Amino acid sequence: PNNITSYKLDCLYGRGARGPTCSGVRCPVIHW
């Protein structure tokens, strides 16, 4: 409790983050 270090993949639902591609990618993960 209250002691977990999280890495936030904030780009996952960012608007306009279409793709992904492996060059110049905005976000490496896209959920369709």
PDB file of all heavy atoms in Angstrom:
ATOM      1  N   PRO A   1       0.808  -1.222   0.000  1.00  0.00           N
ATOM      2  CA  PRO A   1       0.000   0.000   0.000  1.00  0.00           C
ATOM      3  C   PRO A   1       0.843   1.274   0.000  1.00  0.00           C
ATOM      4  O   PRO A   1       1.812   1.390   0.744  1.00  0.00           O
ATOM      5  CB  PRO A   1      -0.831  -0.127   1.282  1.00  0.00           C
ATOM      6  CG  PRO A   1      -0.071  -1.084   2.149  1.00  0.00           C
ATOM      7  CD  PRO A   1       0.602  -2.033   1.223  1.00  0.00           C
ATOM      8  N   ASN A   2       0.412   2.203  -0.868  1.00  0.00           N
ATOM      9  CA  ASN A   2       0.993   3.554  -0.919  1.00  0.00           C
ATOM     10  C   ASN A   2       2.497   3.570  -1.180  1.00  0.00           C
ATOM     11  O   ASN A   2       3.173   4.523  -0.821  1.00  0.00           O
ATOM     12  CB  ASN A   2       0.697   4.304   0.386  1.00  0.00           C
ATOM     13  CG  ASN A   2      -0.781   4.401   0.665  1.00  0.00           C
ATOM     14  OD1 ASN A   2      -1.569   4.700  -0.228  1.00  0.00           O
ATOM     15  ND2 ASN A   2      -1.169   4.115   1.893  1.00  0.00           N
ATOM     16  N   ASN A   3       3.016   2.516  -1.798  1.00  0.00           N
ATOM     17  CA  ASN A   3       4.475   2.451  -1.951  1.00  0.00           C
ATOM     18  C   ASN A   3       4.886   1.785  -3.260  1.00  0.00           C
ATOM     19  O   ASN A   3       5.901   1.109  -3.320  1.00  0.00           O
ATOM     20  CB  ASN A   3       5.085   1.706  -0.764  1.00  0.00           C
ATOM     21  CG  ASN A   3       6.585   1.910  -0.666  1.00  0.00           C
ATOM     22  OD1 ASN A   3       7.093   2.945  -1.086  1.00  0.00           O
ATOM     23  ND2 ASN A   3       7.295   0.935  -0.131  1.00  0.00           N
ATOM     24  N   ILE A   4       4.076   1.953  -4.315  1.00  0.00           N
ATOM     25  CA  ILE A   4       4.373   1.354  -5.611  1.00  0.00           C
ATOM     26  C   ILE A   4       4.852   2.432  -6.574  1.00  0.00           C
ATOM     27  O   ILE A   4       4.235   3.484  -6.713  1.00  0.00           O
ATOM     28  CB  ILE A   4       3.140   0.634  -6.187  1.00  0.00           C
ATOM     29  CG1 ILE A   4       2.836  -0.622  -5.364  1.00  0.00           C
ATOM     30  CG2 ILE A   4       3.368   0.254  -7.649  1.00  0.00           C
ATOM     31  CD1 ILE A   4       1.608  -1.365  -5.825  1.00  0.00           C
ATOM     32  N   THR A   5       5.955   2.147  -7.245  1.00  0.00           N
ATOM     33  CA  THR A   5       6.474   3.062  -8.249  1.00  0.00           C
ATOM     34  C   THR A   5       5.913   2.666  -9.615  1.00  0.00           C
ATOM     35  O   THR A   5       6.135   1.552 -10.084  1.00  0.00           O
ATOM     36  CB  THR A   5       8.015   3.012  -8.298  1.00  0.00           C
ATOM     37  OG1 THR A   5       8.534   3.330  -7.015  1.00  0.00           O
ATOM     38  CG2 THR A   5       8.554   3.992  -9.322  1.00  0.00           C
ATOM     39  N   SER A   6       5.169   3.572 -10.228  1.00  0.00           N
ATOM     40  CA  SER A   6       4.524   3.283 -11.503  1.00  0.00           C
ATOM     41  C   SER A   6       5.182   4.030 -12.647  1.00  0.00           C
ATOM     42  O   SER A   6       5.589   5.184 -12.490  1.00  0.00           O
ATOM     43  CB  SER A   6       3.040   3.662 -11.445  1.00  0.00           C
ATOM     44  OG  SER A   6       2.327   2.832 -10.566  1.00  0.00           O
ATOM     45  N   TYR A   7       5.272   3.363 -13.789  1.00  0.00           N
ATOM     46  CA  TYR A   7       5.691   4.014 -15.031  1.00  0.00           C
ATOM     47  C   TYR A   7       4.428   4.236 -15.851  1.00  0.00           C
ATOM     48  O   TYR A   7       3.711   3.284 -16.184  1.00  0.00           O
ATOM     49  CB  TYR A   7       6.668   3.147 -15.808  1.00  0.00           C
ATOM     50  CG  TYR A   7       7.150   3.793 -17.084  1.00  0.00           C
ATOM     51  CD1 TYR A   7       8.295   4.582 -17.087  1.00  0.00           C
ATOM     52  CD2 TYR A   7       6.444   3.642 -18.282  1.00  0.00           C
ATOM     53  CE1 TYR A   7       8.738   5.199 -18.252  1.00  0.00           C
ATOM     54  CE2 TYR A   7       6.885   4.253 -19.445  1.00  0.00           C
ATOM     55  CZ  TYR A   7       8.025   5.032 -19.418  1.00  0.00           C
ATOM     56  OH  TYR A   7       8.448   5.643 -20.570  1.00  0.00           O
ATOM     57  N   LYS A   8       4.155   5.482 -16.177  1.00  0.00           N
ATOM     58  CA  LYS A   8       2.901   5.829 -16.832  1.00  0.00           C
ATOM     59  C   LYS A   8       3.090   5.977 -18.339  1.00  0.00           C
ATOM     60  O   LYS A   8       3.807   6.863 -18.794  1.00  0.00           O
ATOM     61  CB  LYS A   8       2.347   7.119 -16.230  1.00  0.00           C
ATOM     62  CG  LYS A   8       2.044   6.984 -14.741  1.00  0.00           C
ATOM     63  CD  LYS A   8       1.531   8.281 -14.147  1.00  0.00           C
ATOM     64  CE  LYS A   8       1.252   8.103 -12.661  1.00  0.00           C
ATOM     65  NZ  LYS A   8       0.739   9.363 -12.043  1.00  0.00           N
ATOM     66  N   LEU A   9       2.430   5.114 -19.083  1.00  0.00           N
ATOM     67  CA  LEU A   9       2.460   5.157 -20.546  1.00  0.00           C
ATOM     68  C   LEU A   9       1.380   6.145 -21.003  1.00  0.00           C
ATOM     69  O   LEU A   9       0.342   5.769 -21.548  1.00  0.00           O
ATOM     70  CB  LEU A   9       2.222   3.765 -21.125  1.00  0.00           C
ATOM     71  CG  LEU A   9       2.451   3.585 -22.622  1.00  0.00           C
ATOM     72  CD1 LEU A   9       3.915   3.755 -22.973  1.00  0.00           C
ATOM     73  CD2 LEU A   9       1.956   2.221 -23.075  1.00  0.00           C
ATOM     74  N   ASP A  10       1.629   7.414 -20.764  1.00  0.00           N
ATOM     75  CA  ASP A  10       0.617   8.443 -20.978  1.00  0.00           C
ATOM     76  C   ASP A  10       0.179   8.569 -22.428  1.00  0.00           C
ATOM     77  O   ASP A  10      -0.906   9.081 -22.711  1.00  0.00           O
ATOM     78  CB  ASP A  10       1.139   9.802 -20.490  1.00  0.00           C
ATOM     79  CG  ASP A  10       1.262   9.862 -18.975  1.00  0.00           C
ATOM     80  OD1 ASP A  10       0.514   9.135 -18.293  1.00  0.00           O
ATOM     81  OD2 ASP A  10       2.111  10.621 -18.480  1.00  0.00           O
ATOM     82  N   CYS A  11       0.999   8.111 -23.355  1.00  0.00           N
ATOM     83  CA  CYS A  11       0.675   8.282 -24.770  1.00  0.00           C
ATOM     84  C   CYS A  11      -0.402   7.315 -25.261  1.00  0.00           C
ATOM     85  O   CYS A  11      -0.931   7.501 -26.368  1.00  0.00           O
ATOM     86  CB  CYS A  11       1.930   8.087 -25.617  1.00  0.00           C
ATOM     87  SG  CYS A  11       2.604   6.403 -25.551  1.00  0.00           S
ATOM     88  N   LEU A  12      -0.765   6.298 -24.484  1.00  0.00           N
ATOM     89  CA  LEU A  12      -1.622   5.226 -24.990  1.00  0.00           C
ATOM     90  C   LEU A  12      -2.933   5.743 -25.550  1.00  0.00           C
ATOM     91  O   LEU A  12      -3.383   5.298 -26.604  1.00  0.00           O
ATOM     92  CB  LEU A  12      -1.896   4.208 -23.888  1.00  0.00           C
ATOM     93  CG  LEU A  12      -2.778   3.015 -24.264  1.00  0.00           C
ATOM     94  CD1 LEU A  12      -2.170   2.245 -25.427  1.00  0.00           C
ATOM     95  CD2 LEU A  12      -2.988   2.092 -23.080  1.00  0.00           C
ATOM     96  N   TYR A  13      -3.582   6.664 -24.869  1.00  0.00           N
ATOM     97  CA  TYR A  13      -4.857   7.187 -25.353  1.00  0.00           C
ATOM     98  C   TYR A  13      -4.754   8.647 -25.762  1.00  0.00           C
ATOM     99  O   TYR A  13      -5.722   9.391 -25.721  1.00  0.00           O
ATOM    100  CB  TYR A  13      -5.950   7.006 -24.297  1.00  0.00           C
ATOM    101  CG  TYR A  13      -6.282   5.559 -24.057  1.00  0.00           C
ATOM    102  CD1 TYR A  13      -6.321   5.041 -22.771  1.00  0.00           C
ATOM    103  CD2 TYR A  13      -6.521   4.706 -25.125  1.00  0.00           C
ATOM    104  CE1 TYR A  13      -6.607   3.708 -22.559  1.00  0.00           C
ATOM    105  CE2 TYR A  13      -6.795   3.377 -24.920  1.00  0.00           C
ATOM    106  CZ  TYR A  13      -6.851   2.882 -23.632  1.00  0.00           C
ATOM    107  OH  TYR A  13      -7.134   1.561 -23.427  1.00  0.00           O
ATOM    108  N   GLY A  14      -3.564   9.099 -26.142  1.00  0.00           N
ATOM    109  CA  GLY A  14      -3.412  10.470 -26.604  1.00  0.00           C
ATOM    110  C   GLY A  14      -4.087  10.658 -27.946  1.00  0.00           C
ATOM    111  O   GLY A  14      -3.977   9.833 -28.845  1.00  0.00           O
ATOM    112  N   ARG A  15      -4.803  11.733 -28.108  1.00  0.00           N
ATOM    113  CA  ARG A  15      -5.480  12.002 -29.372  1.00  0.00           C
ATOM    114  C   ARG A  15      -4.454  12.184 -30.503  1.00  0.00           C
ATOM    115  O   ARG A  15      -3.443  12.826 -30.338  1.00  0.00           O
ATOM    116  CB  ARG A  15      -6.351  13.243 -29.249  1.00  0.00           C
ATOM    117  CG  ARG A  15      -7.560  13.041 -28.364  1.00  0.00           C
ATOM    118  CD  ARG A  15      -8.487  14.239 -28.406  1.00  0.00           C
ATOM    119  NE  ARG A  15      -9.662  14.031 -27.571  1.00  0.00           N
ATOM    120  CZ  ARG A  15     -10.732  13.357 -27.950  1.00  0.00           C
ATOM    121  NH1 ARG A  15     -10.770  12.829 -29.151  1.00  0.00           N
ATOM    122  NH2 ARG A  15     -11.763  13.204 -27.138  1.00  0.00           N
ATOM    123  N   GLY A  16      -4.772  11.586 -31.633  1.00  0.00           N
ATOM    124  CA  GLY A  16      -3.906  11.721 -32.793  1.00  0.00           C
ATOM    125  C   GLY A  16      -2.736  10.758 -32.803  1.00  0.00           C
ATOM    126  O   GLY A  16      -1.965  10.742 -33.735  1.00  0.00           O
ATOM    127  N   ALA A  17      -2.614   9.913 -31.770  1.00  0.00           N
ATOM    128  CA  ALA A  17      -1.468   8.993 -31.692  1.00  0.00           C
ATOM    129  C   ALA A  17      -1.759   7.746 -32.505  1.00  0.00           C
ATOM    130  O   ALA A  17      -1.907   6.658 -31.978  1.00  0.00           O
ATOM    131  CB  ALA A  17      -1.177   8.646 -30.243  1.00  0.00           C
ATOM    132  N   ARG A  18      -1.894   7.905 -33.811  1.00  0.00           N
ATOM    133  CA  ARG A  18      -2.209   6.754 -34.661  1.00  0.00           C
ATOM    134  C   ARG A  18      -0.955   5.969 -34.987  1.00  0.00           C
ATOM    135  O   ARG A  18       0.144   6.467 -34.932  1.00  0.00           O
ATOM    136  CB  ARG A  18      -2.889   7.216 -35.944  1.00  0.00           C
ATOM    137  CG  ARG A  18      -4.284   7.788 -35.693  1.00  0.00           C
ATOM    138  CD  ARG A  18      -5.013   8.012 -36.993  1.00  0.00           C
ATOM    139  NE  ARG A  18      -6.329   8.585 -36.755  1.00  0.00           N
ATOM    140  CZ  ARG A  18      -7.408   7.887 -36.460  1.00  0.00           C
ATOM    141  NH1 ARG A  18      -7.318   6.578 -36.360  1.00  0.00           N
ATOM    142  NH2 ARG A  18      -8.562   8.465 -36.269  1.00  0.00           N
ATOM    143  N   GLY A  19      -1.126   4.739 -35.328  1.00  0.00           N
ATOM    144  CA  GLY A  19       0.026   3.921 -35.664  1.00  0.00           C
ATOM    145  C   GLY A  19      -0.159   2.532 -35.083  1.00  0.00           C
ATOM    146  O   GLY A  19      -1.244   2.013 -35.054  1.00  0.00           O
ATOM    147  N   PRO A  20       0.889   1.947 -34.506  1.00  0.00           N
ATOM    148  CA  PRO A  20       2.196   2.595 -34.417  1.00  0.00           C
ATOM    149  C   PRO A  20       3.078   2.265 -35.616  1.00  0.00           C
ATOM    150  O   PRO A  20       2.819   1.328 -36.343  1.00  0.00           O
ATOM    151  CB  PRO A  20       2.776   1.974 -33.149  1.00  0.00           C
ATOM    152  CG  PRO A  20       2.183   0.600 -33.138  1.00  0.00           C
ATOM    153  CD  PRO A  20       0.800   0.725 -33.730  1.00  0.00           C
ATOM    154  N   THR A  21       4.113   3.051 -35.818  1.00  0.00           N
ATOM    155  CA  THR A  21       5.169   2.704 -36.761  1.00  0.00           C
ATOM    156  C   THR A  21       6.454   2.648 -35.957  1.00  0.00           C
ATOM    157  O   THR A  21       6.504   3.101 -34.824  1.00  0.00           O
ATOM    158  CB  THR A  21       5.302   3.759 -37.865  1.00  0.00           C
ATOM    159  OG1 THR A  21       5.664   5.002 -37.259  1.00  0.00           O
ATOM    160  CG2 THR A  21       4.000   3.921 -38.631  1.00  0.00           C
ATOM    161  N   CYS A  22       7.461   2.091 -36.528  1.00  0.00           N
ATOM    162  CA  CYS A  22       8.710   1.944 -35.777  1.00  0.00           C
ATOM    163  C   CYS A  22       9.707   3.064 -36.055  1.00  0.00           C
ATOM    164  O   CYS A  22      10.839   3.005 -35.627  1.00  0.00           O
ATOM    165  CB  CYS A  22       9.337   0.582 -36.071  1.00  0.00           C
ATOM    166  SG  CYS A  22       8.439  -0.767 -35.282  1.00  0.00           S
ATOM    167  N   SER A  23       9.289   4.061 -36.793  1.00  0.00           N
ATOM    168  CA  SER A  23      10.147   5.231 -36.994  1.00  0.00           C
ATOM    169  C   SER A  23       9.299   6.470 -36.738  1.00  0.00           C
ATOM    170  O   SER A  23       8.237   6.635 -37.321  1.00  0.00           O
ATOM    171  CB  SER A  23      10.722   5.250 -38.409  1.00  0.00           C
ATOM    172  OG  SER A  23       9.695   5.288 -39.368  1.00  0.00           O
ATOM    173  N   GLY A  24       9.783   7.311 -35.846  1.00  0.00           N
ATOM    174  CA  GLY A  24       9.037   8.509 -35.486  1.00  0.00           C
ATOM    175  C   GLY A  24       7.720   8.199 -34.806  1.00  0.00           C
ATOM    176  O   GLY A  24       6.749   8.942 -34.939  1.00  0.00           O
ATOM    177  N   VAL A  25       7.671   7.095 -34.078  1.00  0.00           N
ATOM    178  CA  VAL A  25       6.424   6.672 -33.464  1.00  0.00           C
ATOM    179  C   VAL A  25       6.034   7.604 -32.320  1.00  0.00           C
ATOM    180  O   VAL A  25       6.865   8.031 -31.527  1.00  0.00           O
ATOM    181  CB  VAL A  25       6.543   5.220 -32.944  1.00  0.00           C
ATOM    182  CG1 VAL A  25       7.568   5.095 -31.833  1.00  0.00           C
ATOM    183  CG2 VAL A  25       5.190   4.686 -32.501  1.00  0.00           C
ATOM    184  N   ARG A  26       4.757   7.964 -32.270  1.00  0.00           N
ATOM    185  CA  ARG A  26       4.267   8.779 -31.162  1.00  0.00           C
ATOM    186  C   ARG A  26       4.031   7.925 -29.927  1.00  0.00           C
ATOM    187  O   ARG A  26       4.254   8.357 -28.810  1.00  0.00           O
ATOM    188  CB  ARG A  26       2.960   9.465 -31.553  1.00  0.00           C
ATOM    189  CG  ARG A  26       3.113  10.512 -32.662  1.00  0.00           C
ATOM    190  CD  ARG A  26       1.791  11.202 -32.896  1.00  0.00           C
ATOM    191  NE  ARG A  26       1.892  12.187 -33.968  1.00  0.00           N
ATOM    192  CZ  ARG A  26       0.875  12.954 -34.344  1.00  0.00           C
ATOM    193  NH1 ARG A  26      -0.300  12.836 -33.736  1.00  0.00           N
ATOM    194  NH2 ARG A  26       1.023  13.816 -35.325  1.00  0.00           N
ATOM    195  N   CYS A  27       3.522   6.736 -30.142  1.00  0.00           N
ATOM    196  CA  CYS A  27       3.302   5.808 -29.025  1.00  0.00           C
ATOM    197  C   CYS A  27       3.533   4.392 -29.534  1.00  0.00           C
ATOM    198  O   CYS A  27       3.038   4.035 -30.613  1.00  0.00           O
ATOM    199  CB  CYS A  27       1.884   5.949 -28.473  1.00  0.00           C
ATOM    200  SG  CYS A  27       1.641   5.115 -26.884  1.00  0.00           S
ATOM    201  N   PRO A  28       4.278   3.566 -28.816  1.00  0.00           N
ATOM    202  CA  PRO A  28       4.586   2.220 -29.306  1.00  0.00           C
ATOM    203  C   PRO A  28       3.443   1.233 -29.163  1.00  0.00           C
ATOM    204  O   PRO A  28       3.552   0.098 -29.597  1.00  0.00           O
ATOM    205  CB  PRO A  28       5.770   1.801 -28.441  1.00  0.00           C
ATOM    206  CG  PRO A  28       5.559   2.537 -27.162  1.00  0.00           C
ATOM    207  CD  PRO A  28       4.985   3.863 -27.561  1.00  0.00           C
ATOM    208  N   VAL A  29       2.334   1.655 -28.532  1.00  0.00           N
ATOM    209  CA  VAL A  29       1.207   0.756 -28.318  1.00  0.00           C
ATOM    210  C   VAL A  29      -0.087   1.466 -28.711  1.00  0.00           C
ATOM    211  O   VAL A  29      -0.326   2.607 -28.315  1.00  0.00           O
ATOM    212  CB  VAL A  29       1.102   0.318 -26.844  1.00  0.00           C
ATOM    213  CG1 VAL A  29      -0.080  -0.639 -26.654  1.00  0.00           C
ATOM    214  CG2 VAL A  29       2.383  -0.350 -26.390  1.00  0.00           C
ATOM    215  N   ILE A  30      -0.910   0.799 -29.510  1.00  0.00           N
ATOM    216  CA  ILE A  30      -2.212   1.323 -29.894  1.00  0.00           C
ATOM    217  C   ILE A  30      -3.263   0.250 -29.629  1.00  0.00           C
ATOM    218  O   ILE A  30      -3.071  -0.918 -29.945  1.00  0.00           O
ATOM    219  CB  ILE A  30      -2.244   1.709 -31.391  1.00  0.00           C
ATOM    220  CG1 ILE A  30      -1.282   2.862 -31.662  1.00  0.00           C
ATOM    221  CG2 ILE A  30      -3.663   2.102 -31.814  1.00  0.00           C
ATOM    222  CD1 ILE A  30      -1.646   4.168 -31.006  1.00  0.00           C
ATOM    223  N   HIS A  31      -4.369   0.648 -29.048  1.00  0.00           N
ATOM    224  CA  HIS A  31      -5.473  -0.271 -28.784  1.00  0.00           C
ATOM    225  C   HIS A  31      -6.588   0.009 -29.784  1.00  0.00           C
ATOM    226  O   HIS A  31      -7.175   1.085 -29.803  1.00  0.00           O
ATOM    227  CB  HIS A  31      -6.000  -0.069 -27.353  1.00  0.00           C
ATOM    228  CG  HIS A  31      -7.089  -1.020 -26.985  1.00  0.00           C
ATOM    229  ND1 HIS A  31      -8.136  -0.680 -26.170  1.00  0.00           N
ATOM    230  CD2 HIS A  31      -7.286  -2.315 -27.306  1.00  0.00           C
ATOM    231  CE1 HIS A  31      -8.937  -1.708 -25.998  1.00  0.00           C
ATOM    232  NE2 HIS A  31      -8.438  -2.717 -26.684  1.00  0.00           N
ATOM    233  N   TRP A  32      -6.913  -0.998 -30.600  1.00  0.00           N
ATOM    234  CA  TRP A  32      -7.972  -0.858 -31.588  1.00  0.00           C
ATOM    235  C   TRP A  32      -9.268  -1.386 -30.973  1.00  0.00           C
ATOM    236  O   TRP A  32      -9.526  -2.584 -30.962  1.00  0.00           O
ATOM    237  CB  TRP A  32      -7.612  -1.625 -32.854  1.00  0.00           C
ATOM    238  CG  TRP A  32      -6.354  -1.138 -33.471  1.00  0.00           C
ATOM    239  CD1 TRP A  32      -5.101  -1.658 -33.289  1.00  0.00           C
ATOM    240  CD2 TRP A  32      -6.200  -0.016 -34.333  1.00  0.00           C
ATOM    241  NE1 TRP A  32      -4.180  -0.938 -33.986  1.00  0.00           N
ATOM    242  CE2 TRP A  32      -4.821   0.080 -34.635  1.00  0.00           C
ATOM    243  CE3 TRP A  32      -7.083   0.919 -34.864  1.00  0.00           C
ATOM    244  CZ2 TRP A  32      -4.313   1.073 -35.467  1.00  0.00           C
ATOM    245  CZ3 TRP A  32      -6.583   1.905 -35.690  1.00  0.00           C
ATOM    246  CH2 TRP A  32      -5.222   1.974 -35.988  1.00  0.00           C
TER     247      TRP A  32
END
